[in-house]
Amino acid sequence: MSNKYKLKLYIAGRDSNAVKTISALEKLCLEFKDQFDLEILDITEVKGLAAEKGIIAVPTLIKESPPPPKYFIGDLSDTEELKLELLPNSLAEGK
């Protein structure tokens, strides 16, 4: 069983908001090295993906594992706040 955090980011095209969000999440992933597995999915490229996954707004980040799943919608550029919400306190504070 993997200890990695499995994250899926849903975007709609590569507008400035999507690029900003991707950049922030990639920075977070680099900061925590091998802790994250980030997959970026563009709902405009896969027909029916948004409906299938229940995506009603973008960007949407889903932490799929470890359980329970967590959803983050909207501006994800504040990585400090995201770390506090996403990671256990010991990991968020001490890396």
Protein backbone atom coordinates (compact mmCIF):
# COMPACT_ATOMS: atom_id res chain seq x y z
CA MET A 1 0.00 0.00 0.00
CA SER A 2 1.38 3.39 -1.00
CA ASN A 3 1.86 6.23 1.46
CA LYS A 4 1.54 8.80 -1.30
CA TYR A 5 -1.28 11.28 -1.45
CA LYS A 6 -3.18 10.69 -4.66
CA LEU A 7 -4.47 14.02 -6.00
CA LYS A 8 -6.57 14.73 -9.06
CA LEU A 9 -6.92 18.26 -10.35
CA TYR A 10 -9.81 18.98 -12.70
CA ILE A 11 -9.48 22.03 -14.93
CA ALA A 12 -11.30 23.38 -18.00
CA GLY A 13 -8.66 24.39 -20.51
CA ARG A 14 -5.41 26.19 -19.85
CA ASP A 15 -6.61 29.66 -18.90
CA SER A 16 -4.60 31.85 -16.52
CA ASN A 17 -6.47 30.47 -13.48
CA ALA A 18 -5.68 26.87 -14.45
CA VAL A 19 -2.02 27.69 -15.11
CA LYS A 20 -1.74 29.47 -11.74
CA THR A 21 -3.34 26.54 -9.93
CA ILE A 22 -1.16 23.95 -11.66
CA SER A 23 1.96 25.96 -10.84
CA ALA A 24 1.01 26.25 -7.15
CA LEU A 25 0.26 22.52 -6.86
CA GLU A 26 3.44 21.52 -8.66
CA LYS A 27 5.38 23.72 -6.23
CA LEU A 28 3.65 21.98 -3.32
CA CYS A 29 4.46 18.57 -4.80
CA LEU A 30 8.13 19.53 -5.16
CA GLU A 31 8.24 20.79 -1.59
CA PHE A 32 7.05 17.44 -0.31
CA LYS A 33 9.02 15.44 -2.89
CA ASP A 34 7.61 11.93 -3.13
CA GLN A 35 4.54 12.49 -0.95
CA PHE A 36 2.18 13.39 -3.81
CA ASP A 37 0.99 11.82 -7.01
CA LEU A 38 -0.72 14.63 -8.95
CA GLU A 39 -2.85 13.92 -12.02
CA ILE A 40 -4.22 16.84 -14.05
CA LEU A 41 -7.43 16.23 -15.98
CA ASP A 42 -8.92 18.69 -18.45
CA ILE A 43 -12.69 18.24 -18.54
CA THR A 44 -12.83 19.90 -21.98
CA GLU A 45 -10.74 17.08 -23.47
CA VAL A 46 -12.74 14.11 -22.19
CA LYS A 47 -16.43 14.16 -23.02
CA GLY A 48 -18.61 13.41 -20.01
CA LEU A 49 -15.76 13.48 -17.48
CA ALA A 50 -17.22 16.36 -15.45
CA ALA A 51 -20.62 14.68 -15.18
CA GLU A 52 -19.08 11.28 -14.40
CA LYS A 53 -16.95 12.68 -11.57
CA GLY A 54 -19.54 15.20 -10.32
CA ILE A 55 -17.37 18.21 -11.14
CA ILE A 56 -19.52 21.35 -11.06
CA ALA A 57 -16.78 23.99 -10.77
CA VAL A 58 -13.15 24.27 -11.78
CA PRO A 59 -10.52 24.09 -10.64
CA THR A 60 -11.42 21.20 -8.37
CA LEU A 61 -8.78 19.24 -6.51
CA ILE A 62 -9.69 15.85 -5.08
CA LYS A 63 -7.50 14.06 -2.56
CA GLU A 64 -8.47 10.48 -3.34
CA SER A 65 -6.13 8.77 -0.92
CA PRO A 66 -5.43 8.22 1.80
CA PRO A 67 -9.10 8.12 2.81
CA PRO A 68 -11.34 9.89 3.37
CA PRO A 69 -11.54 11.79 0.08
CA LYS A 70 -11.39 15.58 0.33
CA TYR A 71 -12.55 18.16 -2.21
CA PHE A 72 -11.07 21.62 -2.75
CA ILE A 73 -12.81 23.97 -5.17
CA GLY A 74 -11.71 27.32 -6.52
CA ASP A 75 -8.52 29.26 -5.98
CA LEU A 76 -5.86 26.84 -4.79
CA SER A 77 -2.94 29.25 -4.96
CA ASP A 78 -2.61 29.58 -1.16
CA THR A 79 -0.49 26.48 -0.68
CA GLU A 80 0.06 27.17 3.02
CA GLU A 81 -3.67 26.93 3.69
CA LEU A 82 -3.94 23.93 1.39
CA LYS A 83 -1.16 22.14 3.30
CA LEU A 84 -3.03 22.62 6.56
CA GLU A 85 -6.22 21.23 5.07
CA LEU A 86 -4.61 18.44 3.11
CA LEU A 87 -1.83 17.05 5.28
CA PRO A 88 -1.69 15.70 8.80
CA ASN A 89 -0.39 18.38 11.18
CA SER A 90 2.94 16.65 11.69
CA LEU A 91 3.67 16.57 7.97
CA ALA A 92 2.37 20.09 7.26
CA GLU A 93 4.50 21.62 9.97
CA GLY A 94 7.66 19.59 9.83
CA LYS A 95 7.86 18.06 6.37
